[in-house]
N, C-alpha and C. Protein backbone atom coordinates (compact mmCIF):
# COMPACT_ATOMS: atom_id res chain seq x y z
N MET A 1 6.50 22.93 13.24
CA MET A 1 5.25 22.20 13.31
C MET A 1 4.44 22.41 12.03
N ALA A 2 4.39 23.64 11.56
CA ALA A 2 3.65 23.93 10.34
C ALA A 2 4.27 23.23 9.14
N LEU A 3 5.61 23.18 9.12
CA LEU A 3 6.30 22.50 8.02
C LEU A 3 5.98 21.01 8.03
N ALA A 4 5.91 20.41 9.21
CA ALA A 4 5.57 18.99 9.30
C ALA A 4 4.15 18.73 8.81
N ILE A 5 3.22 19.61 9.14
CA ILE A 5 1.83 19.45 8.68
C ILE A 5 1.75 19.60 7.17
N ILE A 6 2.45 20.59 6.63
CA ILE A 6 2.43 20.80 5.17
C ILE A 6 3.04 19.59 4.45
N LEU A 7 4.16 19.09 4.94
CA LEU A 7 4.79 17.93 4.31
C LEU A 7 3.90 16.70 4.41
N ASP A 8 3.22 16.53 5.54
CA ASP A 8 2.32 15.39 5.70
C ASP A 8 1.15 15.48 4.73
N GLN A 9 0.60 16.66 4.54
CA GLN A 9 -0.52 16.82 3.61
C GLN A 9 -0.07 16.58 2.17
N CYS A 10 1.12 17.05 1.82
CA CYS A 10 1.65 16.81 0.46
C CYS A 10 1.87 15.32 0.23
N LYS A 11 2.41 14.64 1.25
CA LYS A 11 2.61 13.19 1.13
C LYS A 11 1.29 12.48 0.96
N SER A 12 0.29 12.85 1.74
CA SER A 12 -1.02 12.21 1.65
C SER A 12 -1.66 12.46 0.28
N LEU A 13 -1.56 13.68 -0.21
CA LEU A 13 -2.11 14.00 -1.52
C LEU A 13 -1.43 13.19 -2.61
N GLY A 14 -0.12 13.05 -2.53
CA GLY A 14 0.61 12.26 -3.52
C GLY A 14 0.24 10.79 -3.48
N ILE A 15 0.13 10.23 -2.28
CA ILE A 15 -0.22 8.82 -2.16
C ILE A 15 -1.64 8.58 -2.64
N LEU A 16 -2.58 9.46 -2.30
CA LEU A 16 -3.96 9.30 -2.76
C LEU A 16 -4.06 9.41 -4.28
N THR A 17 -3.26 10.29 -4.87
CA THR A 17 -3.25 10.41 -6.33
C THR A 17 -2.73 9.13 -6.97
N ILE A 18 -1.65 8.60 -6.44
CA ILE A 18 -1.09 7.35 -6.98
C ILE A 18 -2.09 6.21 -6.82
N LEU A 19 -2.73 6.11 -5.67
CA LEU A 19 -3.73 5.06 -5.46
C LEU A 19 -4.88 5.19 -6.44
N TYR A 20 -5.34 6.40 -6.69
CA TYR A 20 -6.42 6.59 -7.63
C TYR A 20 -6.00 6.16 -9.04
N VAL A 21 -4.82 6.57 -9.44
CA VAL A 21 -4.36 6.23 -10.79
C VAL A 21 -4.19 4.73 -10.93
N VAL A 22 -3.58 4.09 -9.93
CA VAL A 22 -3.29 2.66 -10.04
C VAL A 22 -4.55 1.83 -9.88
N ILE A 23 -5.32 2.09 -8.85
CA ILE A 23 -6.45 1.21 -8.55
C ILE A 23 -7.67 1.52 -9.41
N VAL A 24 -8.09 2.75 -9.44
CA VAL A 24 -9.34 3.07 -10.14
C VAL A 24 -9.13 3.11 -11.64
N ARG A 25 -8.11 3.78 -12.10
CA ARG A 25 -7.93 3.96 -13.53
C ARG A 25 -7.32 2.74 -14.22
N ARG A 26 -6.43 2.05 -13.56
CA ARG A 26 -5.74 0.96 -14.25
C ARG A 26 -6.38 -0.39 -13.99
N PHE A 27 -6.80 -0.66 -12.77
CA PHE A 27 -7.26 -2.00 -12.41
C PHE A 27 -8.77 -2.14 -12.33
N GLY A 28 -9.49 -1.10 -12.46
CA GLY A 28 -10.93 -1.26 -12.33
C GLY A 28 -11.67 -0.02 -12.77
N TYR A 29 -12.94 -0.03 -12.54
CA TYR A 29 -13.77 1.09 -12.89
C TYR A 29 -14.87 1.20 -11.85
N LEU A 30 -15.45 2.36 -11.75
CA LEU A 30 -16.53 2.58 -10.80
C LEU A 30 -17.86 2.44 -11.53
N GLN A 31 -18.58 1.40 -11.25
CA GLN A 31 -19.85 1.17 -11.94
C GLN A 31 -20.90 2.20 -11.55
N SER A 32 -20.86 2.68 -10.33
CA SER A 32 -21.92 3.55 -9.85
C SER A 32 -21.92 4.92 -10.52
N ASN A 33 -20.77 5.48 -10.82
CA ASN A 33 -20.75 6.83 -11.38
C ASN A 33 -19.91 6.97 -12.64
N GLU A 34 -19.60 5.88 -13.30
CA GLU A 34 -18.75 6.01 -14.49
C GLU A 34 -19.48 6.69 -15.63
N SER A 35 -20.79 6.63 -15.68
CA SER A 35 -21.52 7.29 -16.77
C SER A 35 -21.44 8.80 -16.67
N ASP A 36 -21.13 9.34 -15.50
CA ASP A 36 -20.98 10.79 -15.35
C ASP A 36 -19.71 11.30 -16.01
N TYR A 37 -18.72 10.44 -16.18
CA TYR A 37 -17.41 10.88 -16.65
C TYR A 37 -17.04 10.36 -18.04
N LEU A 38 -17.77 9.38 -18.54
CA LEU A 38 -17.42 8.79 -19.83
C LEU A 38 -18.46 9.14 -20.88
N THR A 39 -18.01 9.17 -22.11
CA THR A 39 -18.94 9.44 -23.21
C THR A 39 -19.76 8.18 -23.50
N PRO A 40 -20.94 8.32 -24.11
CA PRO A 40 -21.77 7.14 -24.41
C PRO A 40 -21.08 6.13 -25.33
N ALA A 41 -20.21 6.59 -26.23
CA ALA A 41 -19.52 5.66 -27.12
C ALA A 41 -18.59 4.74 -26.33
N ILE A 42 -17.96 5.27 -25.34
CA ILE A 42 -17.06 4.45 -24.52
C ILE A 42 -17.87 3.49 -23.65
N LEU A 43 -19.03 3.94 -23.17
CA LEU A 43 -19.85 3.08 -22.32
C LEU A 43 -20.40 1.87 -23.06
N GLU A 44 -20.55 1.97 -24.39
CA GLU A 44 -21.08 0.86 -25.17
C GLU A 44 -20.06 -0.24 -25.41
N THR A 45 -18.79 0.06 -25.30
CA THR A 45 -17.77 -0.96 -25.53
C THR A 45 -17.73 -1.93 -24.36
N PRO A 46 -17.53 -3.21 -24.64
CA PRO A 46 -17.48 -4.19 -23.54
C PRO A 46 -16.22 -4.00 -22.70
N LYS A 47 -16.35 -4.30 -21.43
CA LYS A 47 -15.22 -4.15 -20.50
C LYS A 47 -14.55 -5.49 -20.29
N ASN A 48 -13.25 -5.49 -20.36
CA ASN A 48 -12.47 -6.70 -20.10
C ASN A 48 -11.68 -6.50 -18.82
N GLU A 49 -11.95 -7.29 -17.84
CA GLU A 49 -11.23 -7.21 -16.57
C GLU A 49 -10.01 -8.13 -16.65
N VAL A 50 -8.91 -7.62 -17.16
CA VAL A 50 -7.72 -8.45 -17.30
C VAL A 50 -6.65 -8.13 -16.25
N TRP A 51 -6.73 -6.96 -15.63
CA TRP A 51 -5.67 -6.57 -14.71
C TRP A 51 -5.86 -7.15 -13.32
N ILE A 52 -7.09 -7.30 -12.87
CA ILE A 52 -7.32 -7.84 -11.53
C ILE A 52 -6.79 -9.27 -11.40
N PRO A 53 -7.09 -10.18 -12.32
CA PRO A 53 -6.51 -11.53 -12.19
C PRO A 53 -4.98 -11.52 -12.27
N LYS A 54 -4.42 -10.68 -13.11
CA LYS A 54 -2.96 -10.60 -13.20
C LYS A 54 -2.37 -10.08 -11.89
N LEU A 55 -3.02 -9.10 -11.29
CA LEU A 55 -2.55 -8.57 -10.01
C LEU A 55 -2.65 -9.63 -8.92
N LYS A 56 -3.71 -10.41 -8.93
CA LYS A 56 -3.88 -11.48 -7.95
C LYS A 56 -2.79 -12.53 -8.08
N VAL A 57 -2.50 -12.94 -9.29
CA VAL A 57 -1.45 -13.94 -9.53
C VAL A 57 -0.09 -13.39 -9.12
N PHE A 58 0.17 -12.13 -9.44
CA PHE A 58 1.43 -11.51 -9.06
C PHE A 58 1.60 -11.49 -7.55
N CYS A 59 0.54 -11.09 -6.83
CA CYS A 59 0.62 -11.03 -5.36
C CYS A 59 0.82 -12.43 -4.78
N LEU A 60 0.14 -13.43 -5.30
CA LEU A 60 0.30 -14.79 -4.79
C LEU A 60 1.72 -15.31 -5.03
N LYS A 61 2.26 -15.07 -6.23
CA LYS A 61 3.62 -15.51 -6.51
C LYS A 61 4.63 -14.79 -5.62
N MET A 62 4.41 -13.50 -5.37
CA MET A 62 5.33 -12.75 -4.53
C MET A 62 5.28 -13.27 -3.09
N LEU A 63 4.09 -13.54 -2.58
CA LEU A 63 3.97 -14.02 -1.20
C LEU A 63 4.54 -15.42 -1.02
N GLU A 64 4.54 -16.23 -2.07
CA GLU A 64 5.06 -17.59 -1.98
C GLU A 64 6.55 -17.68 -2.29
N SER A 65 7.17 -16.58 -2.69
CA SER A 65 8.57 -16.63 -3.07
C SER A 65 9.47 -16.76 -1.84
N THR A 66 10.60 -17.38 -2.03
CA THR A 66 11.57 -17.58 -0.95
C THR A 66 12.16 -16.26 -0.49
N ALA A 67 12.40 -15.36 -1.39
CA ALA A 67 12.99 -14.06 -1.03
C ALA A 67 12.05 -13.27 -0.11
N PHE A 68 10.77 -13.31 -0.40
CA PHE A 68 9.81 -12.58 0.43
C PHE A 68 9.72 -13.20 1.82
N GLU A 69 9.73 -14.53 1.88
CA GLU A 69 9.70 -15.20 3.19
C GLU A 69 10.96 -14.88 3.99
N THR A 70 12.11 -14.89 3.33
CA THR A 70 13.36 -14.58 4.02
C THR A 70 13.35 -13.14 4.53
N LEU A 71 12.93 -12.21 3.70
CA LEU A 71 12.86 -10.81 4.12
C LEU A 71 11.90 -10.64 5.29
N SER A 72 10.77 -11.32 5.24
CA SER A 72 9.81 -11.23 6.35
C SER A 72 10.40 -11.76 7.64
N MET A 73 11.10 -12.88 7.57
CA MET A 73 11.71 -13.45 8.77
C MET A 73 12.82 -12.55 9.33
N ILE A 74 13.58 -11.93 8.45
CA ILE A 74 14.63 -11.02 8.90
C ILE A 74 14.02 -9.82 9.61
N LEU A 75 12.97 -9.26 9.03
CA LEU A 75 12.32 -8.11 9.65
C LEU A 75 11.69 -8.47 11.00
N ILE A 76 11.05 -9.64 11.07
CA ILE A 76 10.45 -10.08 12.34
C ILE A 76 11.53 -10.31 13.38
N SER A 77 12.64 -10.92 12.98
CA SER A 77 13.75 -11.15 13.92
C SER A 77 14.34 -9.84 14.41
N PHE A 78 14.54 -8.90 13.50
CA PHE A 78 15.09 -7.61 13.88
C PHE A 78 14.17 -6.88 14.86
N TYR A 79 12.89 -6.92 14.59
CA TYR A 79 11.93 -6.27 15.46
C TYR A 79 11.88 -6.95 16.83
N THR A 80 11.98 -8.28 16.85
CA THR A 80 12.00 -9.02 18.12
C THR A 80 13.21 -8.63 18.95
N ILE A 81 14.38 -8.56 18.33
CA ILE A 81 15.60 -8.16 19.04
C ILE A 81 15.46 -6.73 19.57
N PHE A 82 14.90 -5.85 18.76
CA PHE A 82 14.70 -4.47 19.18
C PHE A 82 13.78 -4.39 20.40
N ILE A 83 12.68 -5.11 20.39
CA ILE A 83 11.73 -5.08 21.50
C ILE A 83 12.37 -5.69 22.75
N LEU A 84 13.07 -6.80 22.60
CA LEU A 84 13.73 -7.41 23.76
C LEU A 84 14.79 -6.48 24.35
N PHE A 85 15.54 -5.81 23.50
CA PHE A 85 16.53 -4.85 23.97
C PHE A 85 15.85 -3.71 24.74
N TRP A 86 14.74 -3.22 24.20
CA TRP A 86 14.02 -2.14 24.85
C TRP A 86 13.47 -2.59 26.21
N LEU A 87 12.93 -3.80 26.27
CA LEU A 87 12.37 -4.29 27.53
C LEU A 87 13.43 -4.51 28.60
N THR A 88 14.60 -4.97 28.21
CA THR A 88 15.64 -5.27 29.20
C THR A 88 16.49 -4.06 29.55
N MET A 89 16.66 -3.11 28.65
CA MET A 89 17.56 -1.99 28.88
C MET A 89 16.86 -0.69 29.25
N ALA A 90 15.55 -0.69 29.37
CA ALA A 90 14.84 0.55 29.67
C ALA A 90 15.21 1.11 31.03
N ASP A 91 15.45 0.25 32.02
CA ASP A 91 15.81 0.72 33.36
C ASP A 91 17.22 1.31 33.40
N ILE A 92 18.11 0.80 32.59
CA ILE A 92 19.50 1.26 32.60
C ILE A 92 19.60 2.69 32.04
N PHE A 93 18.87 2.97 30.98
CA PHE A 93 18.97 4.26 30.32
C PHE A 93 18.02 5.31 30.86
N ASN A 94 17.19 5.00 31.85
CA ASN A 94 16.24 5.93 32.46
C ASN A 94 15.36 6.60 31.41
N ILE A 95 14.70 5.80 30.60
CA ILE A 95 13.81 6.32 29.55
C ILE A 95 12.42 6.53 30.15
N ASP A 96 11.95 7.77 30.10
CA ASP A 96 10.61 8.07 30.60
C ASP A 96 9.59 7.76 29.52
N GLU A 97 8.48 7.19 29.91
CA GLU A 97 7.46 6.83 28.92
C GLU A 97 6.59 7.98 28.60
């Protein structure tokens, strides 16, 4: 049990670190407290928001792609078959809830 908790906390810490690096550092900035962490010379330079539009276009292209639609349909079909199997075979295998 302790090992599972430790592994879960390590996983959470790693994911939060990756999210911080990708979202805050690469795709945006925090207007409310960025002056606490940046030097005045950096604050005077103009900010160019070029990553957010690129990320938006990438996500839209990915969602409209045929491969993504096919993968989504396969996953939905697999999950549907799994649920139907569970609903029909639960009495045979004596699975307690």
